[in-house]
Amino acid sequence: QVQLVESGGGLVQAGDSLRLSCAVSGRTFSDYAMGWFRQAPGKEREFVAAISWSGASKLYVDSVKGRFTISRDNAKNTVYLQMDSLNSEDTAVYFCAADHSTSWTPQRAAGDYDYWGRGTQVTVSS
């Protein structure tokens, strides 16, 4: 069984930065492509970013390009989401997800992922 635990969320002001972390346990972390999704109140879960098992390939939703950076440390079994220039539209619960695949499709649909964390709240005040 794979477990994912997100951390790093919080309340910040517009223009601030946050770094989310997702610690993965239970299986070989480098066998998984990883993704970040978010869900704002009253909205559907939205893809944010994904990274291949090696970290060589990355994908972002257009609304975060140039502001967010996804990365991973396979030695620490952790994936990160660095979020800069935050604005109120980034307010959501952020989830990390794992896809047991070394292929890069790329994985941007929620259905591509096998395991999910419980989420961490990010609130950006304007």
Protein backbone atom coordinates (compact mmCIF):
# COMPACT_ATOMS: atom_id res chain seq x y z
CA GLN A 1 0.00 0.00 0.00
CA VAL A 2 1.28 3.44 -0.93
CA GLN A 3 0.72 6.37 1.42
CA LEU A 4 1.01 10.02 0.46
CA VAL A 5 1.11 12.81 3.02
CA GLU A 6 1.04 16.45 1.96
CA SER A 7 2.36 19.33 4.04
CA GLY A 8 3.30 22.97 3.70
CA GLY A 9 -0.07 24.58 3.13
CA GLY A 10 -1.20 27.67 4.96
CA LEU A 11 -2.59 31.19 4.83
CA VAL A 12 -0.54 33.70 2.86
CA GLN A 13 -1.00 37.04 1.18
CA ALA A 14 -1.18 37.63 -2.54
CA GLY A 15 2.31 37.71 -4.00
CA ASP A 16 3.77 35.39 -1.37
CA SER A 17 5.30 31.96 -1.88
CA LEU A 18 4.71 28.52 -0.42
CA ARG A 19 6.38 25.17 -0.92
CA LEU A 20 4.24 22.09 -0.65
CA SER A 21 5.77 18.71 0.08
CA CYS A 22 4.38 15.23 -0.42
CA ALA A 23 6.08 12.37 1.36
CA VAL A 24 5.51 8.94 -0.16
CA SER A 25 5.91 5.62 1.60
CA GLY A 26 5.15 2.00 0.94
CA ARG A 27 6.70 1.32 -2.45
CA THR A 28 9.68 2.30 -4.58
CA PHE A 29 9.13 6.01 -5.10
CA SER A 30 11.08 6.16 -8.35
CA ASP A 31 8.58 3.76 -9.96
CA TYR A 32 5.92 6.48 -9.83
CA ALA A 33 5.04 9.50 -11.87
CA MET A 34 3.72 12.15 -9.51
CA GLY A 35 1.15 14.88 -9.85
CA TRP A 36 -0.38 17.78 -7.98
CA PHE A 37 -4.06 18.64 -8.22
CA ARG A 38 -6.19 21.23 -6.48
CA GLN A 39 -9.84 21.70 -5.65
CA ALA A 40 -11.41 25.02 -4.81
CA PRO A 41 -14.77 25.26 -3.00
CA GLY A 42 -17.62 24.44 -5.36
CA LYS A 43 -15.28 23.46 -8.18
CA GLU A 44 -14.03 20.22 -9.65
CA ARG A 45 -10.56 18.88 -8.93
CA GLU A 46 -8.09 20.49 -11.30
CA PHE A 47 -4.72 19.30 -12.60
CA VAL A 48 -1.84 21.57 -11.57
CA ALA A 49 1.44 19.86 -12.41
CA ALA A 50 3.03 16.48 -13.05
CA ILE A 51 6.53 15.07 -13.08
CA SER A 52 7.91 11.86 -14.54
CA TRP A 53 9.58 9.18 -12.45
CA SER A 54 13.07 10.55 -13.20
CA GLY A 55 12.12 14.21 -12.97
CA ALA A 56 13.20 14.79 -16.57
CA SER A 57 9.69 15.57 -17.82
CA LYS A 58 7.27 18.06 -16.32
CA LEU A 59 3.87 19.44 -17.24
CA TYR A 60 1.90 22.40 -15.90
CA VAL A 61 -1.57 23.79 -16.33
CA ASP A 62 -1.39 27.10 -18.17
CA SER A 63 -2.59 29.14 -15.19
CA VAL A 64 0.48 28.26 -13.10
CA LYS A 65 3.20 28.23 -15.75
CA GLY A 66 6.06 30.50 -14.76
CA ARG A 67 4.85 30.66 -11.14
CA PHE A 68 4.84 27.06 -9.91
CA THR A 69 7.65 24.51 -10.09
CA ILE A 70 7.29 20.79 -9.50
CA SER A 71 10.32 18.78 -8.45
CA ARG A 72 11.16 15.52 -6.76
CA ASP A 73 13.88 14.00 -4.63
CA ASN A 74 13.85 10.25 -5.16
CA ALA A 75 16.36 9.76 -2.35
CA LYS A 76 13.88 11.38 0.07
CA ASN A 77 10.72 9.87 -1.47
CA THR A 78 9.30 13.36 -1.73
CA VAL A 79 7.73 15.51 -4.41
CA TYR A 80 7.53 19.28 -4.07
CA LEU A 81 5.45 22.09 -5.48
CA GLN A 82 7.10 25.50 -5.22
CA MET A 83 4.41 28.15 -5.61
CA ASP A 84 5.44 31.76 -6.23
CA SER A 85 3.43 34.90 -6.94
CA LEU A 86 0.35 33.37 -5.39
CA ASN A 87 -3.02 34.98 -6.01
CA SER A 88 -6.51 34.45 -4.68
CA GLU A 89 -7.37 32.08 -7.54
CA ASP A 90 -4.77 29.65 -6.18
CA THR A 91 -6.83 29.17 -3.02
CA ALA A 92 -7.74 25.48 -2.85
CA VAL A 93 -7.00 22.19 -1.22
CA TYR A 94 -3.92 20.76 -2.89
CA PHE A 95 -3.55 17.02 -3.38
CA CYS A 96 -0.60 14.97 -4.50
CA ALA A 97 -1.09 11.78 -6.47
CA ALA A 98 1.02 8.84 -7.60
CA ASP A 99 0.81 6.86 -10.82
CA HIS A 100 2.60 3.51 -10.77
CA SER A 101 4.23 3.98 -14.13
CA THR A 102 7.64 4.81 -15.55
CA SER A 103 5.96 5.92 -18.75
CA TRP A 104 5.26 9.58 -19.45
CA THR A 105 1.91 9.98 -21.16
CA PRO A 106 1.88 12.75 -19.68
CA GLN A 107 -0.37 12.09 -16.75
CA ARG A 108 -2.76 15.03 -16.38
CA ALA A 109 -6.08 13.34 -15.67
CA ALA A 110 -7.15 12.36 -12.18
CA GLY A 111 -7.95 8.90 -13.53
CA ASP A 112 -4.29 8.41 -14.48
CA TYR A 113 -3.32 8.19 -10.81
CA ASP A 114 -3.51 5.23 -8.49
CA TYR A 115 -2.95 6.79 -5.09
CA TRP A 116 -3.88 10.08 -3.47
CA GLY A 117 -3.04 12.07 -0.38
CA ARG A 118 -5.63 13.74 1.81
CA GLY A 119 -4.69 17.25 0.78
CA THR A 120 -3.35 20.43 2.33
CA GLN A 121 -5.19 23.75 2.39
CA VAL A 122 -3.70 26.78 0.67
CA THR A 123 -5.46 30.08 1.25
CA VAL A 124 -4.31 33.26 -0.43
CA SER A 125 -5.73 36.52 0.85
CA SER A 126 -5.88 39.52 -1.46
